[in-house]
Amino acid sequence: MDSKNLRSNMSDQALLNSNSQGISSVPSSRSISSEESGDHKPEIVPVYSERKFTRSQLMTVAILCFVNLINYMDRFTVAGILSDVQCFYGIDDSQGGLIQTVFIIAYMVFAPIFGYMGDRYSRRLIMAVGVAFWTVAALVSSFIPQEHFYWFLIMRCLIGIGEASYSTIAPTIISDLFVDDLRSKMLALFYFAIPVGSGLGYIVGTFPKTTLGAEWQWGLRITPVVGTVATLLIIFMLVDPPRGQAEGSKMEATSYAEDLKSLVKNPSYILSTAGSTAVAFVAGALA
């Protein structure tokens, strides 16, 4: 490119120095005018600033990843002990398939609702209540008598509602804490908990019976204990940043119809959703 047509950058905006808190801006550039360089051709000089993040941000990501891990761990716990559940309640394969079906339906219906609420109300409060809700439901499901199988289905349905309140909101907090490639890395770490948690679900579900000789119901009582810890971490240690903080913008809530129109016109969202659906289809087939 011919440098004759380049205009000098007259911006007085200063980059964050090494003592500034938060995340500094991405590598930028400034130009030296002809008065500074003694030349008629402006020179582009790159200026780099150190990328930083705070301890509270790392703690928040760690908490979100931990909750996402136990979220999927609980989701696949029943899959690991499905034969024991069928034997206990005296159900066939079609009825056993309802256990995961009612969970997914409840999750699918309530996820958009919690996503809408997450843009307008306290995300930390919604997640704390949601995690506590599915924790209690998971614990109660382990005490359902064998003559009340449909109460067991209702509990799995309630667990789906509770997990929907978390899964739809947690990624938005990470997006409001980081920018650019650092945001992508943190989101990758967050979603890495999905396959790991799914595998742990099979292990946790069968561990009490195969290793300790306990009843299969104890496999459903492990995640509620860990879920209680997760609820306390969300309440007392999670940082809920202002929406749009990472980009330095102030976001305002829009109507539900406007949100849908914006999403339909976003190719990145459509492709990401299709990919996530494919992953869920493959992972769900294992259950």
Protein backbone atom coordinates (compact mmCIF):
# COMPACT_ATOMS: atom_id res chain seq x y z
CA MET A 1 0.00 0.00 0.00
CA ASP A 2 1.27 3.51 -0.83
CA SER A 3 1.88 5.39 2.39
CA LYS A 4 1.20 8.79 0.75
CA ASN A 5 -2.52 8.46 1.30
CA LEU A 6 -2.25 7.47 4.97
CA ARG A 7 -3.44 10.07 7.44
CA SER A 8 -1.73 10.62 10.73
CA ASN A 9 -3.49 9.23 13.74
CA MET A 10 -4.44 12.25 15.84
CA SER A 11 -6.14 10.25 18.59
CA ASP A 12 -5.17 11.15 22.16
CA GLN A 13 -6.43 7.84 23.52
CA ALA A 14 -3.95 6.28 25.92
CA LEU A 15 -3.33 2.59 26.33
CA LEU A 16 -3.54 0.96 29.74
CA ASN A 17 -0.20 0.84 31.46
CA SER A 18 1.18 -2.09 33.36
CA ASN A 19 -0.35 -0.86 36.63
CA SER A 20 -3.89 -0.64 35.26
CA GLN A 21 -6.46 -3.18 36.36
CA GLY A 22 -8.57 -5.29 34.07
CA ILE A 23 -7.83 -6.33 30.55
CA SER A 24 -5.73 -4.05 28.43
CA SER A 25 -6.54 -3.35 24.85
CA VAL A 26 -5.37 -5.49 21.97
CA PRO A 27 -2.23 -4.55 20.05
CA SER A 28 -2.79 -1.23 18.35
CA SER A 29 -0.78 1.19 16.31
CA ARG A 30 -0.05 4.90 16.13
CA SER A 31 1.51 6.99 13.45
CA ILE A 32 4.29 9.53 13.77
CA SER A 33 3.44 12.72 11.98
CA SER A 34 5.79 14.52 9.66
CA GLU A 35 6.72 16.99 12.40
CA GLU A 36 7.80 14.13 14.69
CA SER A 37 9.67 12.06 12.12
CA GLY A 38 11.05 14.81 9.97
CA ASP A 39 9.68 13.00 6.92
CA HIS A 40 6.66 13.73 4.77
CA LYS A 41 5.65 10.06 4.85
CA PRO A 42 3.96 9.07 8.12
CA GLU A 43 5.35 5.95 9.72
CA ILE A 44 3.18 3.36 11.41
CA VAL A 45 4.74 2.27 14.70
CA PRO A 46 3.10 -0.66 16.51
CA VAL A 47 2.36 -0.20 20.19
CA TYR A 48 1.69 -3.30 22.26
CA SER A 49 0.21 -3.48 25.71
CA GLU A 50 0.40 -6.36 28.09
CA ARG A 51 -2.76 -8.49 28.31
CA LYS A 52 -3.80 -8.95 31.92
CA PHE A 53 -6.61 -10.49 33.88
CA THR A 54 -7.45 -10.36 37.55
CA ARG A 55 -7.64 -13.09 40.16
CA SER A 56 -11.38 -12.56 40.54
CA GLN A 57 -11.86 -13.20 36.82
CA LEU A 58 -9.93 -16.47 37.00
CA MET A 59 -11.90 -17.46 40.09
CA THR A 60 -15.17 -16.79 38.27
CA VAL A 61 -14.13 -18.92 35.29
CA ALA A 62 -13.02 -21.72 37.63
CA ILE A 63 -16.39 -21.67 39.41
CA LEU A 64 -18.34 -21.68 36.15
CA CYS A 65 -16.27 -24.58 34.77
CA PHE A 66 -16.72 -26.51 38.00
CA VAL A 67 -20.50 -26.07 37.96
CA ASN A 68 -20.66 -26.99 34.27
CA LEU A 69 -18.69 -30.13 35.08
CA ILE A 70 -21.08 -31.33 37.78
CA ASN A 71 -23.98 -30.17 35.62
CA TYR A 72 -23.16 -32.73 32.93
CA MET A 73 -21.98 -35.23 35.52
CA ASP A 74 -25.46 -35.28 37.04
CA ARG A 75 -27.06 -35.42 33.59
CA PHE A 76 -25.31 -38.70 32.73
CA THR A 77 -25.36 -40.30 36.17
CA VAL A 78 -28.67 -42.00 35.45
CA ALA A 79 -27.29 -43.39 32.19
CA GLY A 80 -24.61 -45.24 34.15
CA ILE A 81 -27.17 -46.92 36.43
CA LEU A 82 -30.07 -47.22 33.98
CA SER A 83 -30.29 -51.00 34.24
CA ASP A 84 -30.53 -50.75 38.03
CA VAL A 85 -33.24 -48.09 37.75
CA GLN A 86 -35.22 -50.29 35.35
CA CYS A 87 -34.93 -53.27 37.64
CA PHE A 88 -35.93 -51.27 40.73
CA TYR A 89 -39.01 -49.66 39.18
CA GLY A 90 -39.89 -52.63 36.97
CA ILE A 91 -39.93 -50.64 33.73
CA ASP A 92 -39.06 -51.57 30.17
CA ASP A 93 -36.70 -49.85 27.72
CA SER A 94 -39.31 -47.44 26.39
CA GLN A 95 -40.14 -46.22 29.88
CA GLY A 96 -36.47 -46.04 30.70
CA GLY A 97 -35.98 -43.79 27.68
CA LEU A 98 -38.52 -41.38 29.13
CA ILE A 99 -36.07 -40.50 31.90
CA GLN A 100 -33.78 -38.65 29.52
CA THR A 101 -36.63 -37.50 27.27
CA VAL A 102 -38.49 -35.54 29.96
CA PHE A 103 -35.20 -33.99 31.05
CA ILE A 104 -34.36 -32.76 27.53
CA ILE A 105 -37.89 -31.44 26.89
CA ALA A 106 -37.89 -29.43 30.12
CA TYR A 107 -34.39 -28.16 29.37
CA MET A 108 -35.33 -27.17 25.83
CA VAL A 109 -38.51 -25.31 26.86
CA PHE A 110 -37.02 -23.34 29.75
CA ALA A 111 -33.58 -22.51 28.30
CA PRO A 112 -34.87 -19.57 26.18
CA ILE A 113 -36.86 -18.28 29.15
CA PHE A 114 -33.82 -18.19 31.40
CA GLY A 115 -31.78 -16.67 28.59
CA TYR A 116 -34.32 -13.84 28.40
CA MET A 117 -34.21 -13.37 32.17
CA GLY A 118 -30.42 -13.43 32.21
CA ASP A 119 -30.32 -10.28 30.05
CA ARG A 120 -32.53 -8.36 32.47
CA TYR A 121 -32.00 -9.64 36.01
CA SER A 122 -29.17 -10.73 38.28
CA ARG A 123 -27.37 -13.60 36.60
CA ARG A 124 -25.70 -14.69 39.82
CA LEU A 125 -29.06 -14.96 41.59
CA ILE A 126 -30.66 -16.90 38.73
CA MET A 127 -27.78 -19.38 38.58
CA ALA A 128 -27.62 -19.81 42.36
CA VAL A 129 -31.35 -20.55 42.57
CA GLY A 130 -31.19 -22.84 39.53
CA VAL A 131 -28.25 -24.90 40.82
CA ALA A 132 -29.84 -25.17 44.28
CA PHE A 133 -33.11 -26.21 42.63
CA TRP A 134 -31.67 -29.10 40.62
CA THR A 135 -29.50 -30.12 43.56
CA VAL A 136 -32.58 -30.60 45.75
CA ALA A 137 -34.48 -32.33 42.93
CA ALA A 138 -31.58 -34.74 42.31
CA LEU A 139 -31.41 -35.60 46.00
CA VAL A 140 -35.18 -36.14 46.27
CA SER A 141 -35.14 -38.39 43.20
CA SER A 142 -32.92 -40.86 45.05
CA PHE A 143 -35.65 -41.45 47.67
CA ILE A 144 -38.61 -42.12 45.33
CA PRO A 145 -40.24 -45.48 46.23
CA GLN A 146 -40.37 -48.15 43.54
CA GLU A 147 -44.16 -47.91 43.14
CA HIS A 148 -43.92 -44.20 42.17
CA PHE A 149 -41.82 -44.21 39.01
CA TYR A 150 -43.59 -41.20 37.53
CA TRP A 151 -42.50 -39.11 40.50
CA PHE A 152 -38.98 -40.05 39.52
CA LEU A 153 -39.72 -38.71 36.03
CA ILE A 154 -41.04 -35.46 37.50
CA MET A 155 -37.84 -35.01 39.49
CA ARG A 156 -35.73 -35.50 36.35
CA CYS A 157 -37.94 -32.93 34.63
CA LEU A 158 -37.28 -30.44 37.45
CA ILE A 159 -33.55 -31.13 37.19
CA GLY A 160 -33.74 -30.17 33.51
CA ILE A 161 -35.35 -26.86 34.46
CA GLY A 162 -32.66 -26.14 37.03
CA GLU A 163 -29.81 -26.97 34.67
CA ALA A 164 -31.32 -24.78 31.93
CA SER A 165 -31.07 -21.78 34.25
CA TYR A 166 -27.32 -22.24 34.49
CA SER A 167 -26.22 -23.44 31.06
CA THR A 168 -27.78 -20.53 29.18
CA ILE A 169 -26.36 -17.80 31.41
CA ALA A 170 -22.85 -18.91 32.41
CA PRO A 171 -21.22 -18.34 28.97
CA THR A 172 -22.49 -14.74 28.89
CA ILE A 173 -20.58 -13.96 32.08
CA ILE A 174 -17.36 -15.23 30.52
CA SER A 175 -18.07 -13.10 27.44
CA ASP A 176 -18.43 -10.02 29.63
CA LEU A 177 -15.11 -10.68 31.39
CA PHE A 178 -12.77 -11.27 28.43
CA VAL A 179 -12.24 -10.16 24.86
CA ASP A 180 -10.74 -11.54 21.65
CA ASP A 181 -8.67 -14.73 21.80
CA LEU A 182 -8.68 -14.79 25.60
CA ARG A 183 -12.46 -15.01 25.55
CA SER A 184 -12.28 -17.91 23.09
CA LYS A 185 -9.80 -19.76 25.29
CA MET A 186 -11.93 -19.33 28.41
CA LEU A 187 -15.08 -20.46 26.60
CA ALA A 188 -13.19 -23.47 25.23
CA LEU A 189 -12.18 -24.34 28.78
CA PHE A 190 -15.78 -23.93 29.92
CA TYR A 191 -17.17 -26.22 27.22
CA PHE A 192 -14.40 -28.75 27.71
CA ALA A 193 -16.23 -29.66 30.91
CA ILE A 194 -19.05 -31.16 28.81
CA PRO A 195 -17.31 -34.36 27.63
CA VAL A 196 -15.34 -34.64 30.88
CA GLY A 197 -18.46 -34.24 33.02
CA SER A 198 -20.40 -36.66 30.85
CA GLY A 199 -17.74 -39.33 31.34
CA LEU A 200 -17.57 -38.67 35.07
CA GLY A 201 -21.34 -39.14 35.23
CA TYR A 202 -20.98 -42.80 34.28
CA ILE A 203 -18.17 -43.28 36.79
CA VAL A 204 -19.92 -41.50 39.66
CA GLY A 205 -23.20 -43.29 39.00
CA THR A 206 -21.71 -46.76 39.21
CA PHE A 207 -19.00 -46.11 41.83
CA PRO A 208 -21.08 -46.60 45.03
CA LYS A 209 -22.46 -49.96 43.88
CA THR A 210 -19.47 -51.49 42.12
CA THR A 211 -16.82 -50.29 44.59
CA LEU A 212 -18.61 -49.87 47.93
CA GLY A 213 -21.43 -52.35 47.44
CA ALA A 214 -24.04 -49.68 48.21
CA GLU A 215 -27.47 -49.28 46.66
CA TRP A 216 -27.68 -47.60 43.25
CA GLN A 217 -29.50 -44.62 44.79
CA TRP A 218 -26.23 -43.45 46.35
CA GLY A 219 -24.97 -42.70 42.87
CA LEU A 220 -27.63 -39.98 42.66
CA ARG A 221 -26.62 -38.48 46.02
CA ILE A 222 -23.06 -37.53 45.15
CA THR A 223 -23.76 -34.63 42.80
CA PRO A 224 -26.22 -32.96 45.24
CA VAL A 225 -23.43 -32.73 47.81
CA VAL A 226 -21.09 -31.16 45.27
CA GLY A 227 -23.96 -29.01 43.98
CA THR A 228 -24.39 -27.50 47.44
CA VAL A 229 -20.76 -26.41 47.38
CA ALA A 230 -21.27 -24.97 43.90
CA THR A 231 -24.28 -22.95 45.06
CA LEU A 232 -22.26 -21.38 47.87
CA LEU A 233 -19.42 -20.54 45.51
CA ILE A 234 -21.82 -18.80 43.12
CA ILE A 235 -23.40 -16.77 45.91
CA PHE A 236 -20.26 -15.63 47.71
CA MET A 237 -17.40 -15.71 45.20
CA LEU A 238 -18.75 -15.36 41.66
CA VAL A 239 -18.27 -12.02 39.89
CA ASP A 240 -21.24 -10.87 37.79
CA PRO A 241 -19.85 -8.10 35.57
CA PRO A 242 -22.01 -5.44 33.93
CA ARG A 243 -23.29 -6.57 30.55
CA GLY A 244 -20.95 -5.47 27.78
CA GLN A 245 -18.14 -4.62 30.19
CA ALA A 246 -15.42 -6.34 28.16
CA GLU A 247 -16.07 -4.13 25.12
CA GLY A 248 -16.55 -1.03 27.22
CA SER A 249 -20.16 -0.64 26.06
CA LYS A 250 -23.41 -0.33 27.94
CA MET A 251 -25.99 -2.84 26.77
CA GLU A 252 -29.73 -2.27 27.04
CA ALA A 253 -32.41 -4.94 27.01
CA THR A 254 -34.51 -5.28 23.86
CA SER A 255 -37.79 -7.04 23.18
CA TYR A 256 -37.96 -10.79 22.66
CA ALA A 257 -39.00 -10.33 19.01
CA GLU A 258 -36.00 -8.08 18.35
CA ASP A 259 -33.70 -10.66 19.95
CA LEU A 260 -35.04 -13.40 17.69
CA LYS A 261 -34.65 -11.26 14.55
CA SER A 262 -31.07 -10.47 15.48
CA LEU A 263 -30.22 -14.13 16.10
CA VAL A 264 -31.76 -15.29 12.81
CA LYS A 265 -29.58 -12.80 10.91
CA ASN A 266 -26.41 -13.95 12.71
CA PRO A 267 -24.70 -16.71 10.64
CA SER A 268 -22.15 -17.39 13.39
CA TYR A 269 -24.96 -18.11 15.86
CA ILE A 270 -26.82 -20.36 13.41
CA LEU A 271 -23.72 -22.43 12.59
CA SER A 272 -22.64 -22.65 16.25
CA THR A 273 -26.12 -23.80 17.25
CA ALA A 274 -26.14 -26.43 14.50
CA GLY A 275 -22.73 -27.70 15.62
CA SER A 276 -23.79 -27.79 19.26
CA THR A 277 -26.93 -29.70 18.28
CA ALA A 278 -24.83 -32.28 16.45
CA VAL A 279 -22.57 -32.72 19.47
CA ALA A 280 -25.56 -33.07 21.77
CA PHE A 281 -27.07 -35.66 19.42
CA VAL A 282 -23.91 -37.78 19.45
CA ALA A 283 -23.33 -37.42 23.21
CA GLY A 284 -27.00 -38.01 23.97
CA ALA A 285 -26.98 -41.23 21.96
CA LEU A 286 -24.54 -42.65 24.52
CA ALA A 287 -27.13 -42.21 27.22
